[in-house]
Amino acid sequence: MRHRLRTFLPNAVAGRHYDHGRTLPNGDFAISHHDLLAGDLDSIERLQPTRR
């Protein structure tokens, strides 16, 4: 990988498996910055779509 591309990549990532391989509904998932830095992945929430 070219060094100039590395500036666009994160230094670390976090992941979790949900529903044991079952398909999840489409949607966005969110976590607060504080909970992310604390490593509290149980705080991830699914955001429901809204109409404007």
PDB file of N, CA and C in Angstrom:
ATOM      1  N   MET A   1       0.854  -1.167   0.000  1.00  0.00           N
ATOM      2  CA  MET A   1       0.000   0.000   0.000  1.00  0.00           C
ATOM      3  C   MET A   1       0.901   1.232   0.000  1.00  0.00           C
ATOM      4  N   ARG A   2       0.512   2.195  -0.750  1.00  0.00           N
ATOM      5  CA  ARG A   2       1.287   3.427  -0.805  1.00  0.00           C
ATOM      6  C   ARG A   2       1.114   4.206   0.501  1.00  0.00           C
ATOM      7  N   HIS A   3       2.187   4.799   0.937  1.00  0.00           N
ATOM      8  CA  HIS A   3       2.163   5.512   2.218  1.00  0.00           C
ATOM      9  C   HIS A   3       1.184   6.673   2.215  1.00  0.00           C
ATOM     10  N   ARG A   4       0.999   7.336   1.095  1.00  0.00           N
ATOM     11  CA  ARG A   4       0.094   8.487   1.090  1.00  0.00           C
ATOM     12  C   ARG A   4      -1.364   8.064   1.281  1.00  0.00           C
ATOM     13  N   LEU A   5      -1.700   6.800   1.001  1.00  0.00           N
ATOM     14  CA  LEU A   5      -3.060   6.317   1.218  1.00  0.00           C
ATOM     15  C   LEU A   5      -3.346   6.026   2.687  1.00  0.00           C
ATOM     16  N   ARG A   6      -2.316   5.758   3.460  1.00  0.00           N
ATOM     17  CA  ARG A   6      -2.503   5.404   4.874  1.00  0.00           C
ATOM     18  C   ARG A   6      -3.140   6.519   5.685  1.00  0.00           C
ATOM     19  N   THR A   7      -3.003   7.767   5.244  1.00  0.00           N
ATOM     20  CA  THR A   7      -3.611   8.870   5.993  1.00  0.00           C
ATOM     21  C   THR A   7      -5.133   8.804   5.963  1.00  0.00           C
ATOM     22  N   PHE A   8      -5.694   8.052   5.032  1.00  0.00           N
ATOM     23  CA  PHE A   8      -7.151   7.924   4.923  1.00  0.00           C
ATOM     24  C   PHE A   8      -7.701   6.735   5.705  1.00  0.00           C
ATOM     25  N   LEU A   9      -6.849   5.921   6.265  1.00  0.00           N
ATOM     26  CA  LEU A   9      -7.272   4.715   6.980  1.00  0.00           C
ATOM     27  C   LEU A   9      -7.204   4.926   8.487  1.00  0.00           C
ATOM     28  N   PRO A  10      -8.094   4.297   9.236  1.00  0.00           N
ATOM     29  CA  PRO A  10      -8.056   4.439  10.699  1.00  0.00           C
ATOM     30  C   PRO A  10      -6.872   3.681  11.297  1.00  0.00           C
ATOM     31  N   ASN A  11      -6.462   4.103  12.481  1.00  0.00           N
ATOM     32  CA  ASN A  11      -5.398   3.403  13.196  1.00  0.00           C
ATOM     33  C   ASN A  11      -5.903   2.131  13.855  1.00  0.00           C
ATOM     34  N   ALA A  12      -7.211   2.082  14.150  1.00  0.00           N
ATOM     35  CA  ALA A  12      -7.809   0.915  14.803  1.00  0.00           C
ATOM     36  C   ALA A  12      -9.257   0.792  14.351  1.00  0.00           C
ATOM     37  N   VAL A  13      -9.789  -0.416  14.429  1.00  0.00           N
ATOM     38  CA  VAL A  13     -11.197  -0.665  14.126  1.00  0.00           C
ATOM     39  C   VAL A  13     -11.785  -1.548  15.220  1.00  0.00           C
ATOM     40  N   ALA A  14     -13.107  -1.501  15.364  1.00  0.00           N
ATOM     41  CA  ALA A  14     -13.805  -2.341  16.332  1.00  0.00           C
ATOM     42  C   ALA A  14     -14.956  -3.007  15.611  1.00  0.00           C
ATOM     43  N   GLY A  15     -15.233  -4.238  15.960  1.00  0.00           N
ATOM     44  CA  GLY A  15     -16.319  -4.944  15.305  1.00  0.00           C
ATOM     45  C   GLY A  15     -17.010  -5.904  16.239  1.00  0.00           C
ATOM     46  N   ARG A  16     -18.170  -6.313  15.836  1.00  0.00           N
ATOM     47  CA  ARG A  16     -18.947  -7.243  16.645  1.00  0.00           C
ATOM     48  C   ARG A  16     -19.881  -8.006  15.721  1.00  0.00           C
ATOM     49  N   HIS A  17     -20.118  -9.276  16.000  1.00  0.00           N
ATOM     50  CA  HIS A  17     -21.090 -10.084  15.260  1.00  0.00           C
ATOM     51  C   HIS A  17     -22.431  -9.983  15.967  1.00  0.00           C
ATOM     52  N   TYR A  18     -23.489  -9.868  15.184  1.00  0.00           N
ATOM     53  CA  TYR A  18     -24.844  -9.769  15.732  1.00  0.00           C
ATOM     54  C   TYR A  18     -25.708 -10.872  15.148  1.00  0.00           C
ATOM     55  N   ASP A  19     -26.624 -11.365  15.931  1.00  0.00           N
ATOM     56  CA  ASP A  19     -27.624 -12.353  15.512  1.00  0.00           C
ATOM     57  C   ASP A  19     -27.017 -13.624  14.930  1.00  0.00           C
ATOM     58  N   HIS A  20     -25.833 -13.977  15.318  1.00  0.00           N
ATOM     59  CA  HIS A  20     -25.208 -15.249  14.964  1.00  0.00           C
ATOM     60  C   HIS A  20     -25.316 -15.587  13.482  1.00  0.00           C
ATOM     61  N   GLY A  21     -24.939 -14.632  12.624  1.00  0.00           N
ATOM     62  CA  GLY A  21     -24.905 -14.882  11.197  1.00  0.00           C
ATOM     63  C   GLY A  21     -26.201 -14.609  10.463  1.00  0.00           C
ATOM     64  N   ARG A  22     -27.258 -14.248  11.181  1.00  0.00           N
ATOM     65  CA  ARG A  22     -28.525 -13.916  10.514  1.00  0.00           C
ATOM     66  C   ARG A  22     -28.420 -12.539   9.889  1.00  0.00           C
ATOM     67  N   THR A  23     -29.199 -12.302   8.871  1.00  0.00           N
ATOM     68  CA  THR A  23     -29.222 -11.010   8.207  1.00  0.00           C
ATOM     69  C   THR A  23     -29.930  -9.983   9.079  1.00  0.00           C
ATOM     70  N   LEU A  24     -29.329  -8.817   9.216  1.00  0.00           N
ATOM     71  CA  LEU A  24     -29.944  -7.733   9.967  1.00  0.00           C
ATOM     72  C   LEU A  24     -30.655  -6.794   9.007  1.00  0.00           C
ATOM     73  N   PRO A  25     -31.671  -6.082   9.495  1.00  0.00           N
ATOM     74  CA  PRO A  25     -32.347  -5.117   8.631  1.00  0.00           C
ATOM     75  C   PRO A  25     -31.392  -3.986   8.257  1.00  0.00           C
ATOM     76  N   ASN A  26     -31.642  -3.406   7.094  1.00  0.00           N
ATOM     77  CA  ASN A  26     -30.840  -2.252   6.689  1.00  0.00           C
ATOM     78  C   ASN A  26     -31.044  -1.127   7.673  1.00  0.00           C
ATOM     79  N   GLY A  27     -30.045  -0.319   7.822  1.00  0.00           N
ATOM     80  CA  GLY A  27     -30.159   0.834   8.704  1.00  0.00           C
ATOM     81  C   GLY A  27     -28.793   1.281   9.164  1.00  0.00           C
ATOM     82  N   ASP A  28     -28.785   2.376   9.854  1.00  0.00           N
ATOM     83  CA  ASP A  28     -27.546   2.915  10.388  1.00  0.00           C
ATOM     84  C   ASP A  28     -27.422   2.522  11.849  1.00  0.00           C
ATOM     85  N   PHE A  29     -26.195   2.357  12.270  1.00  0.00           N
ATOM     86  CA  PHE A  29     -25.896   2.040  13.653  1.00  0.00           C
ATOM     87  C   PHE A  29     -25.006   3.149  14.198  1.00  0.00           C
ATOM     88  N   ALA A  30     -25.177   3.483  15.460  1.00  0.00           N
ATOM     89  CA  ALA A  30     -24.433   4.601  16.037  1.00  0.00           C
ATOM     90  C   ALA A  30     -23.960   4.250  17.440  1.00  0.00           C
ATOM     91  N   ILE A  31     -22.879   4.918  17.838  1.00  0.00           N
ATOM     92  CA  ILE A  31     -22.347   4.795  19.193  1.00  0.00           C
ATOM     93  C   ILE A  31     -21.761   6.160  19.555  1.00  0.00           C
ATOM     94  N   SER A  32     -21.873   6.534  20.809  1.00  0.00           N
ATOM     95  CA  SER A  32     -21.322   7.828  21.222  1.00  0.00           C
ATOM     96  C   SER A  32     -19.793   7.769  21.179  1.00  0.00           C
ATOM     97  N   HIS A  33     -19.187   8.908  21.011  1.00  0.00           N
ATOM     98  CA  HIS A  33     -17.726   8.988  20.952  1.00  0.00           C
ATOM     99  C   HIS A  33     -17.111   8.482  22.260  1.00  0.00           C
ATOM    100  N   HIS A  34     -17.716   8.867  23.381  1.00  0.00           N
ATOM    101  CA  HIS A  34     -17.228   8.428  24.694  1.00  0.00           C
ATOM    102  C   HIS A  34     -17.266   6.902  24.818  1.00  0.00           C
ATOM    103  N   ASP A  35     -18.394   6.281  24.445  1.00  0.00           N
ATOM    104  CA  ASP A  35     -18.523   4.827  24.553  1.00  0.00           C
ATOM    105  C   ASP A  35     -17.558   4.116  23.595  1.00  0.00           C
ATOM    106  N   LEU A  36     -17.334   4.690  22.432  1.00  0.00           N
ATOM    107  CA  LEU A  36     -16.394   4.106  21.488  1.00  0.00           C
ATOM    108  C   LEU A  36     -14.983   4.110  22.060  1.00  0.00           C
ATOM    109  N   LEU A  37     -14.564   5.243  22.613  1.00  0.00           N
ATOM    110  CA  LEU A  37     -13.219   5.327  23.190  1.00  0.00           C
ATOM    111  C   LEU A  37     -13.064   4.420  24.406  1.00  0.00           C
ATOM    112  N   ALA A  38     -14.177   4.201  25.131  1.00  0.00           N
ATOM    113  CA  ALA A  38     -14.143   3.323  26.303  1.00  0.00           C
ATOM    114  C   ALA A  38     -14.210   1.848  25.910  1.00  0.00           C
ATOM    115  N   GLY A  39     -14.452   1.570  24.621  1.00  0.00           N
ATOM    116  CA  GLY A  39     -14.560   0.183  24.164  1.00  0.00           C
ATOM    117  C   GLY A  39     -15.876  -0.466  24.533  1.00  0.00           C
ATOM    118  N   ASP A  40     -16.885   0.325  24.834  1.00  0.00           N
ATOM    119  CA  ASP A  40     -18.194  -0.193  25.244  1.00  0.00           C
ATOM    120  C   ASP A  40     -19.069  -0.416  24.010  1.00  0.00           C
ATOM    121  N   LEU A  41     -18.832  -1.511  23.295  1.00  0.00           N
ATOM    122  CA  LEU A  41     -19.585  -1.775  22.075  1.00  0.00           C
ATOM    123  C   LEU A  41     -21.018  -2.208  22.344  1.00  0.00           C
ATOM    124  N   ASP A  42     -21.351  -2.490  23.604  1.00  0.00           N
ATOM    125  CA  ASP A  42     -22.742  -2.811  23.939  1.00  0.00           C
ATOM    126  C   ASP A  42     -23.642  -1.583  23.815  1.00  0.00           C
ATOM    127  N   SER A  43     -23.052  -0.410  23.671  1.00  0.00           N
ATOM    128  CA  SER A  43     -23.825   0.826  23.554  1.00  0.00           C
ATOM    129  C   SER A  43     -24.257   1.127  22.129  1.00  0.00           C
ATOM    130  N   ILE A  44     -23.899   0.294  21.171  1.00  0.00           N
ATOM    131  CA  ILE A  44     -24.281   0.527  19.779  1.00  0.00           C
ATOM    132  C   ILE A  44     -25.799   0.433  19.659  1.00  0.00           C
ATOM    133  N   GLU A  45     -26.383   1.412  18.980  1.00  0.00           N
ATOM    134  CA  GLU A  45     -27.831   1.454  18.786  1.00  0.00           C
ATOM    135  C   GLU A  45     -28.143   1.496  17.305  1.00  0.00           C
ATOM    136  N   ARG A  46     -29.255   0.901  16.928  1.00  0.00           N
ATOM    137  CA  ARG A  46     -29.735   0.999  15.554  1.00  0.00           C
ATOM    138  C   ARG A  46     -30.618   2.211  15.441  1.00  0.00           C
ATOM    139  N   LEU A  47     -30.330   3.066  14.483  1.00  0.00           N
ATOM    140  CA  LEU A  47     -31.131   4.260  14.257  1.00  0.00           C
ATOM    141  C   LEU A  47     -32.267   3.915  13.298  1.00  0.00           C
ATOM    142  N   GLN A  48     -33.461   4.230  13.708  1.00  0.00           N
ATOM    143  CA  GLN A  48     -34.639   3.980  12.868  1.00  0.00           C
ATOM    144  C   GLN A  48     -34.752   5.066  11.812  1.00  0.00           C
ATOM    145  N   PRO A  49     -35.142   4.726  10.610  1.00  0.00           N
ATOM    146  CA  PRO A  49     -35.335   5.748   9.586  1.00  0.00           C
ATOM    147  C   PRO A  49     -36.442   6.711   9.973  1.00  0.00           C
ATOM    148  N   THR A  50     -36.284   7.947   9.581  1.00  0.00           N
ATOM    149  CA  THR A  50     -37.307   8.958   9.849  1.00  0.00           C
ATOM    150  C   THR A  50     -37.684   9.631   8.544  1.00  0.00           C
ATOM    151  N   ARG A  51     -38.898  10.112   8.487  1.00  0.00           N
ATOM    152  CA  ARG A  51     -39.354  10.853   7.306  1.00  0.00           C
ATOM    153  C   ARG A  51     -39.252  12.324   7.593  1.00  0.00           C
ATOM    154  N   ARG A  52     -38.921  13.065   6.574  1.00  0.00           N
ATOM    155  CA  ARG A  52     -38.843  14.534   6.729  1.00  0.00           C
ATOM    156  C   ARG A  52     -39.954  15.178   5.979  1.00  0.00           C
TER     157      ARG A  52
END
